N, C-alpha and C. Protein backbone atom coordinates (compact mmCIF):
# COMPACT_ATOMS: atom_id res chain seq x y z
N MET A 1 1.07 -1.21 0.22
CA MET A 1 0.22 -0.03 0.04
C MET A 1 0.95 1.58 -0.18
N PHE A 2 0.47 2.43 -0.56
CA PHE A 2 1.01 3.39 -0.34
C PHE A 2 1.22 4.26 0.64
N SER A 3 1.78 4.74 1.40
CA SER A 3 1.57 6.31 2.16
C SER A 3 1.04 7.16 1.63
N THR A 4 1.36 8.45 2.78
CA THR A 4 0.78 9.51 2.43
C THR A 4 2.15 10.66 1.68
N THR A 5 3.06 10.17 1.96
CA THR A 5 4.12 10.50 1.24
C THR A 5 4.14 10.21 -0.23
N ASN A 6 3.97 9.10 -0.38
CA ASN A 6 3.91 8.51 -1.64
C ASN A 6 3.02 8.86 -2.77
N PHE A 7 1.47 9.26 -1.53
CA PHE A 7 0.58 10.27 -2.90
C PHE A 7 1.12 11.60 -3.20
N GLU A 8 1.84 11.64 -2.35
CA GLU A 8 2.21 13.57 -2.63
C GLU A 8 3.05 13.71 -3.72
N VAL A 9 4.02 12.10 -3.94
CA VAL A 9 5.04 12.44 -4.57
C VAL A 9 4.51 12.01 -5.83
N LEU A 10 3.67 11.43 -5.96
CA LEU A 10 2.73 10.58 -7.23
C LEU A 10 2.28 12.32 -7.68
N ALA A 11 1.22 12.69 -7.14
CA ALA A 11 0.82 13.84 -7.60
C ALA A 11 2.13 15.23 -7.72
N GLN A 12 2.93 14.90 -7.47
CA GLN A 12 3.94 16.42 -7.86
C GLN A 12 4.37 15.49 -9.14
N PHE A 13 4.64 14.21 -9.00
CA PHE A 13 5.18 13.81 -10.53
C PHE A 13 4.32 13.54 -11.40
N LEU A 14 3.29 13.74 -11.17
CA LEU A 14 1.67 14.04 -12.32
C LEU A 14 1.74 15.55 -12.71
N VAL A 15 1.98 16.29 -12.10
CA VAL A 15 1.64 17.53 -12.17
C VAL A 15 2.64 18.28 -13.03
N LYS A 16 4.18 17.63 -12.77
CA LYS A 16 4.85 18.17 -13.76
C LYS A 16 5.15 17.37 -14.99
N ALA A 17 4.75 15.93 -15.23
CA ALA A 17 4.57 15.30 -16.23
C ALA A 17 3.60 15.76 -17.15
N LYS A 18 2.24 15.83 -16.79
CA LYS A 18 1.69 16.50 -17.43
C LYS A 18 1.58 18.09 -18.34
N THR A 19 2.62 19.30 -17.26
CA THR A 19 2.86 19.91 -17.87
C THR A 19 3.97 20.31 -18.87
N VAL A 20 4.61 19.11 -18.79
CA VAL A 20 6.51 18.98 -19.80
C VAL A 20 5.49 18.56 -21.00
N THR A 21 4.78 17.20 -21.15
CA THR A 21 4.15 16.97 -22.25
C THR A 21 3.02 17.86 -22.63
N TYR A 22 2.05 16.67 -23.05
CA TYR A 22 0.59 17.42 -24.06
C TYR A 22 0.53 19.32 -23.93
N ALA A 23 0.63 19.60 -22.51
CA ALA A 23 0.00 20.83 -22.14
C ALA A 23 1.33 21.72 -22.76
N SER A 24 2.41 21.71 -22.90
CA SER A 24 3.43 22.15 -22.84
C SER A 24 3.65 22.30 -24.48
N GLY A 25 3.27 21.64 -24.78
CA GLY A 25 3.38 21.39 -27.18
C GLY A 25 5.09 20.85 -27.18
N ASN A 26 5.36 20.81 -25.99
CA ASN A 26 7.12 20.13 -26.16
C ASN A 26 7.08 18.80 -26.89
N GLN A 27 7.50 19.00 -28.09
CA GLN A 27 7.44 17.84 -29.07
C GLN A 27 8.69 16.53 -28.42
N ASP A 28 9.49 16.97 -28.02
CA ASP A 28 10.48 16.06 -27.48
C ASP A 28 10.57 15.13 -26.69
N CYS A 29 8.82 15.37 -25.81
CA CYS A 29 8.75 14.29 -25.30
C CYS A 29 7.86 13.00 -25.64
N ALA A 30 7.83 13.45 -27.51
CA ALA A 30 6.97 12.62 -28.33
C ALA A 30 7.72 11.00 -28.43
N VAL A 31 7.29 10.47 -28.30
CA VAL A 31 8.28 9.29 -28.96
C VAL A 31 7.35 7.93 -29.68
N ASN A 32 8.21 7.14 -30.72
CA ASN A 32 7.77 6.65 -31.20
C ASN A 32 6.64 5.71 -30.70
N PRO A 33 5.18 5.74 -31.01
CA PRO A 33 4.13 4.74 -30.27
C PRO A 33 4.23 3.60 -30.67
N VAL A 34 4.03 2.69 -29.39
CA VAL A 34 3.80 1.22 -29.19
C VAL A 34 2.95 0.74 -29.98
N LEU A 35 1.42 1.76 -30.33
CA LEU A 35 0.15 1.41 -30.98
C LEU A 35 -0.01 2.11 -32.56
N PRO A 36 -0.13 0.71 -33.17
CA PRO A 36 0.04 1.31 -34.76
C PRO A 36 -1.28 2.92 -34.71
N GLY A 37 -1.33 3.75 -35.35
CA GLY A 37 -2.21 5.16 -35.15
C GLY A 37 -2.31 5.47 -34.05
N SER A 38 -1.59 5.35 -33.09
CA SER A 38 -1.40 6.10 -31.81
C SER A 38 -0.20 7.54 -31.54
N HIS A 39 -0.48 8.41 -30.67
CA HIS A 39 0.37 9.32 -30.50
C HIS A 39 0.91 9.24 -29.36
N GLN A 40 1.96 9.35 -28.94
CA GLN A 40 2.66 8.45 -27.38
C GLN A 40 3.61 9.71 -26.83
N LEU A 41 3.40 10.01 -25.68
CA LEU A 41 3.77 11.19 -25.03
C LEU A 41 5.04 10.20 -24.11
N GLU A 42 5.79 10.65 -23.25
CA GLU A 42 6.56 10.12 -22.44
C GLU A 42 7.29 10.96 -21.66
N TYR A 43 7.40 10.86 -20.12
CA TYR A 43 8.24 11.59 -19.50
C TYR A 43 8.91 10.98 -18.23
N LEU A 44 10.42 10.72 -18.19
CA LEU A 44 10.86 9.97 -16.71
C LEU A 44 11.09 10.45 -16.05
N GLU A 45 11.45 10.79 -14.58
CA GLU A 45 11.92 11.03 -13.45
C GLU A 45 12.65 10.03 -12.69
N LYS A 46 13.44 9.60 -12.24
CA LYS A 46 14.09 8.39 -11.12
C LYS A 46 13.38 7.73 -11.63
N ASP A 47 12.57 6.84 -10.65
CA ASP A 47 11.72 5.56 -11.00
C ASP A 47 10.68 5.32 -11.23
N LEU A 48 9.88 6.73 -11.42
CA LEU A 48 8.65 7.05 -12.30
C LEU A 48 8.70 7.33 -13.73
N GLN A 49 7.61 6.52 -14.90
CA GLN A 49 7.67 6.89 -15.94
C GLN A 49 6.26 7.20 -16.14
N TYR A 50 5.72 8.11 -16.93
CA TYR A 50 4.53 8.79 -17.01
C TYR A 50 4.54 8.66 -18.79
N ARG A 51 3.33 7.88 -18.74
CA ARG A 51 3.02 7.23 -20.47
C ARG A 51 1.39 7.87 -20.86
N ASP A 52 1.45 9.03 -21.97
CA ASP A 52 0.08 9.25 -22.37
C ASP A 52 0.12 8.55 -23.94
N ILE A 53 -0.80 7.68 -24.04
CA ILE A 53 -1.01 7.11 -25.54
C ILE A 53 -2.60 7.69 -25.59
N TYR A 54 -2.81 8.08 -27.16
CA TYR A 54 -4.04 8.88 -27.38
C TYR A 54 -4.23 8.64 -28.90
N TYR A 55 -5.47 8.21 -29.53
CA TYR A 55 -5.64 8.94 -30.99
C TYR A 55 -6.67 9.43 -31.18
N GLY A 56 -6.36 10.16 -32.38
CA GLY A 56 -7.51 11.63 -32.69
C GLY A 56 -6.66 12.50 -32.74
N GLY A 57 -7.77 13.75 -32.55
CA GLY A 57 -7.54 14.90 -33.00
C GLY A 57 -8.78 15.95 -32.25
N MET A 58 -9.60 16.03 -33.02
CA MET A 58 -10.65 16.72 -32.75
C MET A 58 -11.72 15.89 -31.56
N HIS A 59 -11.73 14.68 -32.25
CA HIS A 59 -12.14 13.82 -30.78
C HIS A 59 -11.05 13.10 -31.04
N PHE A 60 -11.14 12.34 -29.98
CA PHE A 60 -9.94 11.88 -29.41
C PHE A 60 -10.23 10.80 -27.99
N ILE A 61 -9.13 9.80 -27.70
CA ILE A 61 -9.35 8.73 -26.93
C ILE A 61 -8.14 8.35 -26.11
N GLY A 62 -7.62 8.34 -24.80
CA GLY A 62 -6.65 7.68 -24.49
C GLY A 62 -6.27 7.36 -23.34
N MET A 63 -5.17 6.78 -22.86
CA MET A 63 -4.90 6.67 -21.64
C MET A 63 -3.50 7.03 -21.18
N GLU A 64 -3.44 7.65 -19.78
CA GLU A 64 -2.17 7.88 -19.07
C GLU A 64 -2.12 7.32 -17.92
N THR A 65 -0.73 6.35 -18.12
CA THR A 65 -0.16 5.60 -17.06
C THR A 65 1.19 6.08 -16.14
N VAL A 66 1.38 5.95 -15.22
CA VAL A 66 2.17 6.31 -14.40
C VAL A 66 2.95 4.82 -13.72
N PHE A 67 4.24 4.46 -14.37
CA PHE A 67 4.79 3.16 -13.66
C PHE A 67 5.86 3.33 -12.38
N LYS A 68 5.97 2.61 -11.51
CA LYS A 68 6.94 3.12 -10.58
C LYS A 68 7.93 1.35 -11.07
N LYS A 69 9.66 1.76 -11.30
CA LYS A 69 10.05 0.74 -11.58
C LYS A 69 9.45 -0.38 -12.68
N GLY A 70 8.87 -0.16 -13.79
CA GLY A 70 8.34 -0.65 -15.03
C GLY A 70 6.66 -1.23 -14.12
N ILE A 71 6.28 -0.89 -13.31
CA ILE A 71 5.27 -1.73 -12.76
C ILE A 71 4.01 -0.46 -12.93
N PRO A 72 3.16 -0.89 -13.55
CA PRO A 72 1.93 0.47 -13.47
C PRO A 72 1.23 0.63 -12.08
N ILE A 73 0.90 1.66 -11.61
CA ILE A 73 0.73 2.60 -10.10
C ILE A 73 -0.24 3.21 -10.45
N TRP A 74 -0.93 4.07 -11.51
CA TRP A 74 -1.48 4.76 -11.83
C TRP A 74 -1.94 4.57 -13.13
N GLY A 75 -3.24 5.15 -13.23
CA GLY A 75 -3.95 5.39 -14.50
C GLY A 75 -5.00 6.35 -15.06
N MET A 76 -5.30 7.24 -15.91
CA MET A 76 -6.68 7.48 -16.02
C MET A 76 -6.88 7.26 -17.84
N GLY A 77 -8.19 6.96 -18.05
CA GLY A 77 -8.37 6.79 -18.90
C GLY A 77 -9.36 8.18 -19.43
N TYR A 78 -9.54 8.76 -20.73
CA TYR A 78 -10.49 9.61 -21.26
C TYR A 78 -10.67 9.62 -22.48
N TYR A 79 -11.68 10.66 -22.76
CA TYR A 79 -12.31 10.55 -24.28
C TYR A 79 -13.24 11.82 -24.23
N GLY A 80 -12.66 12.48 -25.34
CA GLY A 80 -13.74 14.01 -25.28
C GLY A 80 -13.17 14.31 -26.89
N GLY A 81 -13.90 15.73 -26.89
CA GLY A 81 -13.39 16.42 -28.51
C GLY A 81 -14.01 17.62 -28.56
N VAL A 82 -14.27 18.34 -29.86
CA VAL A 82 -15.15 19.49 -30.36
C VAL A 82 -16.35 18.73 -30.60
N LEU A 83 -17.51 19.84 -29.97
CA LEU A 83 -19.31 19.39 -30.29
C LEU A 83 -19.47 19.44 -31.45
N PRO A 84 -20.29 19.51 -32.02
CA PRO A 84 -20.80 18.96 -33.50
C PRO A 84 -21.23 20.37 -33.60
N ASP A 85 -21.62 21.06 -33.10
CA ASP A 85 -22.73 22.48 -33.76
C ASP A 85 -21.57 23.42 -33.21
N SER A 86 -20.26 22.87 -33.08
CA SER A 86 -19.05 24.27 -32.83
C SER A 86 -18.50 24.92 -33.88
N ASP A 87 -18.83 26.41 -33.92
CA ASP A 87 -18.35 27.21 -35.09
C ASP A 87 -16.99 27.17 -34.98
N GLY A 88 -16.32 26.56 -36.63
CA GLY A 88 -14.91 26.26 -36.75
C GLY A 88 -13.88 27.56 -36.38
N GLU A 89 -14.84 28.85 -36.20
CA GLU A 89 -13.58 30.04 -35.93
C GLU A 89 -13.46 29.72 -34.51
N HIS A 90 -14.22 29.30 -33.77
CA HIS A 90 -13.95 29.38 -32.41
C HIS A 90 -13.21 28.34 -31.89
N ILE A 91 -13.37 27.23 -32.90
CA ILE A 91 -12.39 25.78 -33.01
C ILE A 91 -10.92 26.39 -32.72
N ALA A 92 -10.47 27.01 -33.87
CA ALA A 92 -9.27 27.22 -34.04
C ALA A 92 -8.63 27.90 -32.48
N GLY A 93 -9.23 28.41 -31.98
CA GLY A 93 -7.81 29.11 -30.89
C GLY A 93 -8.71 28.03 -29.52
N MET A 94 -8.88 26.68 -29.89
CA MET A 94 -8.99 26.01 -28.67
C MET A 94 -7.90 25.13 -28.48
N PRO A 95 -7.53 24.68 -28.92
CA PRO A 95 -6.49 23.65 -28.76
C PRO A 95 -5.12 24.52 -27.62
N PRO A 96 -4.85 25.70 -28.22
CA PRO A 96 -3.69 26.68 -27.45
C PRO A 96 -4.73 27.08 -25.81
N PHE A 97 -5.61 27.10 -25.94
CA PHE A 97 -6.79 27.30 -24.37
C PHE A 97 -7.09 26.74 -23.22
N LEU A 98 -7.08 24.85 -24.66
CA LEU A 98 -6.57 24.17 -23.60
C LEU A 98 -5.68 23.58 -22.96
N LYS A 99 -4.78 23.94 -24.01
CA LYS A 99 -3.04 24.04 -23.46
C LYS A 99 -2.97 24.56 -21.82
N ALA A 100 -3.06 25.98 -22.59
CA ALA A 100 -3.05 26.90 -21.10
C ALA A 100 -3.60 26.33 -19.82
N ALA A 101 -5.20 25.74 -19.51
CA ALA A 101 -5.54 25.31 -18.98
C ALA A 101 -5.12 23.94 -18.21
N LEU A 102 -4.15 23.18 -19.05
CA LEU A 102 -3.76 21.99 -18.53
C LEU A 102 -2.63 22.17 -17.87
N CYS A 103 -1.87 23.41 -18.25
CA CYS A 103 -0.75 23.92 -17.22
C CYS A 103 -1.09 24.38 -16.28
N LYS A 104 -2.14 24.44 -15.72
CA LYS A 104 -2.93 24.90 -14.48
C LYS A 104 -3.28 23.54 -13.61
N VAL A 105 -2.75 22.94 -13.83
CA VAL A 105 -3.22 21.07 -13.18
C VAL A 105 -2.82 21.48 -12.00
N PRO A 106 -3.90 21.15 -10.69
CA PRO A 106 -3.55 21.71 -9.49
C PRO A 106 -3.00 20.49 -9.26
N LEU A 107 -2.63 20.86 -7.75
CA LEU A 107 -1.61 19.25 -7.16
C LEU A 107 -2.89 18.84 -6.69
N GLU A 108 -3.69 19.48 -5.78
CA GLU A 108 -4.59 18.50 -4.98
C GLU A 108 -5.69 17.42 -5.87
N ALA A 109 -5.64 17.82 -7.48
CA ALA A 109 -6.68 16.94 -8.29
C ALA A 109 -5.45 17.07 -9.41
N PRO A 110 -4.73 16.14 -9.65
CA PRO A 110 -3.69 16.00 -10.71
C PRO A 110 -4.20 15.41 -11.90
N PHE A 111 -5.50 15.37 -12.25
CA PHE A 111 -6.02 14.61 -13.53
C PHE A 111 -5.59 15.31 -14.77
N ARG A 112 -6.81 16.62 -14.78
CA ARG A 112 -6.92 17.46 -16.22
C ARG A 112 -6.08 18.79 -15.28
N GLY A 113 -7.10 19.84 -15.85
CA GLY A 113 -6.78 21.54 -15.55
C GLY A 113 -7.95 21.54 -13.89
N PRO A 114 -7.76 23.05 -13.59
CA PRO A 114 -8.31 23.24 -12.59
C PRO A 114 -9.71 23.51 -12.78
N ASN A 115 -10.95 23.58 -11.27
CA ASN A 115 -12.33 24.02 -11.60
C ASN A 115 -12.44 24.94 -12.50
N ILE A 116 -12.00 25.95 -12.83
CA ILE A 116 -12.24 27.33 -13.81
C ILE A 116 -11.07 27.79 -14.17
N PHE A 117 -10.94 27.97 -15.57
CA PHE A 117 -9.89 29.05 -15.73
C PHE A 117 -10.41 30.03 -16.97
N GLN A 118 -10.05 31.38 -16.70
CA GLN A 118 -10.59 32.13 -18.16
C GLN A 118 -9.42 32.52 -19.00
N MET A 119 -9.80 32.57 -20.18
CA MET A 119 -8.79 33.27 -20.58
C MET A 119 -9.35 33.98 -22.03
N GLY A 120 -9.63 35.39 -22.34
CA GLY A 120 -10.06 36.12 -23.51
C GLY A 120 -11.70 35.76 -23.27
N ASP A 121 -12.39 35.29 -24.46
CA ASP A 121 -13.92 35.11 -24.38
C ASP A 121 -13.82 33.29 -24.17
N TYR A 122 -12.69 32.57 -24.12
CA TYR A 122 -12.76 31.31 -23.42
C TYR A 122 -13.02 30.90 -21.97
N THR A 123 -13.65 30.23 -21.43
CA THR A 123 -13.84 30.03 -20.70
C THR A 123 -13.38 27.96 -19.82
N TYR A 124 -12.48 28.02 -19.15
CA TYR A 124 -12.46 26.00 -18.98
C TYR A 124 -13.33 25.67 -17.89
N GLU A 125 -13.85 24.88 -17.45
CA GLU A 125 -14.66 24.08 -16.54
C GLU A 125 -14.17 22.64 -16.83
N ASN A 126 -14.05 22.43 -14.99
CA ASN A 126 -13.52 21.28 -14.96
C ASN A 126 -14.18 20.99 -13.40
N GLU A 127 -14.85 19.65 -13.49
CA GLU A 127 -16.02 19.19 -12.35
C GLU A 127 -14.88 17.85 -12.02
N ILE A 128 -14.92 17.88 -10.91
CA ILE A 128 -13.80 16.72 -10.18
C ILE A 128 -14.65 16.21 -9.32
N HIS A 129 -14.45 14.68 -9.21
CA HIS A 129 -15.11 14.17 -7.99
C HIS A 129 -13.96 12.96 -7.69
N GLY A 130 -13.92 12.97 -6.39
CA GLY A 130 -12.64 12.01 -5.83
C GLY A 130 -11.59 12.37 -5.68
N ASP A 131 -10.39 11.70 -5.34
CA ASP A 131 -9.53 11.83 -4.85
C ASP A 131 -8.33 10.86 -6.24
N ILE A 132 -6.56 10.96 -5.58
CA ILE A 132 -5.88 10.51 -6.49
C ILE A 132 -6.08 8.96 -6.46
N LEU A 133 -6.62 8.57 -5.71
CA LEU A 133 -6.63 6.97 -5.06
C LEU A 133 -8.00 6.49 -6.29
N SER A 134 -8.99 7.49 -6.42
CA SER A 134 -10.00 7.11 -7.70
C SER A 134 -10.55 8.35 -7.51
N PHE A 135 -11.01 8.50 -9.51
CA PHE A 135 -11.51 9.22 -9.50
C PHE A 135 -12.09 9.87 -10.71
N TYR A 136 -13.01 10.51 -11.04
CA TYR A 136 -14.05 11.06 -12.59
C TYR A 136 -13.89 12.56 -12.48
N GLY A 137 -14.22 13.10 -13.94
CA GLY A 137 -14.55 14.00 -14.05
C GLY A 137 -15.13 14.47 -15.51
N ILE A 138 -15.49 15.66 -15.33
CA ILE A 138 -16.08 16.02 -16.90
C ILE A 138 -15.08 17.61 -16.99
N GLU A 139 -14.63 17.44 -18.48
CA GLU A 139 -14.18 19.58 -18.41
C GLU A 139 -14.90 19.71 -19.55
N LEU A 140 -15.14 20.79 -19.64
CA LEU A 140 -15.86 21.49 -20.58
C LEU A 140 -15.34 23.10 -20.92
N ILE A 141 -15.41 23.08 -22.44
CA ILE A 141 -14.79 24.39 -22.54
C ILE A 141 -15.57 25.77 -23.30
N ARG A 142 -16.23 26.38 -22.68
CA ARG A 142 -17.11 27.93 -23.60
C ARG A 142 -16.05 28.93 -24.30
N ILE A 143 -17.04 29.34 -25.13
CA ILE A 143 -16.40 30.43 -25.48
C ILE A 143 -18.04 31.31 -25.87
N GLN A 144 -18.07 32.34 -24.87
CA GLN A 144 -18.96 33.46 -24.92
C GLN A 144 -20.27 32.74 -24.34
N GLY A 145 -19.92 31.41 -23.36
CA GLY A 145 -21.07 31.00 -22.73
C GLY A 145 -21.66 29.89 -23.78
N HIS A 146 -21.25 29.28 -24.74
CA HIS A 146 -21.45 28.78 -25.25
C HIS A 146 -20.52 27.59 -25.65
N ALA A 147 -21.13 26.61 -25.36
CA ALA A 147 -19.88 25.03 -25.14
C ALA A 147 -19.36 24.60 -26.35
N ILE A 148 -18.22 24.38 -26.90
CA ILE A 148 -17.59 23.91 -27.94
C ILE A 148 -17.14 22.58 -27.69
N TYR A 149 -16.98 22.39 -26.72
CA TYR A 149 -15.85 21.14 -26.50
C TYR A 149 -16.13 20.40 -24.87
N ASN A 150 -15.93 19.12 -24.87
CA ASN A 150 -15.92 18.81 -23.84
C ASN A 150 -15.29 17.16 -23.35
N LEU A 151 -14.80 16.56 -22.56
CA LEU A 151 -14.22 15.43 -22.00
C LEU A 151 -14.98 14.80 -20.67
N ARG A 152 -14.50 13.60 -20.48
CA ARG A 152 -14.92 12.46 -19.78
C ARG A 152 -13.40 11.97 -19.53
N TYR A 153 -13.31 11.66 -18.17
CA TYR A 153 -11.80 11.28 -17.68
C TYR A 153 -12.25 10.52 -16.29
N ASN A 154 -11.52 9.35 -16.14
CA ASN A 154 -11.82 8.54 -14.82
C ASN A 154 -10.34 7.97 -14.28
N GLY A 155 -9.99 7.30 -13.22
CA GLY A 155 -8.92 6.70 -13.12
C GLY A 155 -8.72 6.56 -11.51
N GLY A 156 -7.31 6.14 -11.39
CA GLY A 156 -7.07 6.14 -9.75
C GLY A 156 -5.60 4.96 -9.61
N LEU A 157 -5.72 4.27 -8.67
CA LEU A 157 -4.68 3.66 -8.41
C LEU A 157 -4.58 2.41 -9.16
N VAL A 158 -3.65 1.70 -9.70
CA VAL A 158 -3.53 0.42 -10.34
C VAL A 158 -3.13 -0.42 -9.36
N LYS A 159 -3.58 -1.65 -8.72
CA LYS A 159 -3.41 -2.78 -7.47
C LYS A 159 -3.67 -4.08 -8.52
N SER A 160 -2.08 -5.01 -8.24
CA SER A 160 -2.86 -6.26 -8.53
C SER A 160 -3.02 -7.13 -7.01
């Protein structure tokens, strides 16, 4: 079983891994994907490894996994994308806005972005349930109050 200290280390690692991979746009974290047609991002620090494997772009599905000494200890699955009735002009600015929101991942809930984040006409909302042990949530992006994107996620500790 993990101690409180280990949960803190895991949370700190997740915040760092998430902010230096997809959210940063850092292509140095991209590696050759193990699964055909996927995108794969990785981050390594000491004996912890973060791996994000996903498919798609405007609509996407993926899974993040943290390994300790090669053994999976935490994971999160997600699915989301641009909503069907979204305006193309508004969608163009959405990816940079989403990355800015994801760079604000909170230490107390290191899953996606903060509960709320605003920049210009965009608003990011994240409804979080649970904690690092077991959680789920929904994130939503609005432009001038109109929803243009949503994503659902869930995950927690992996135990044998």
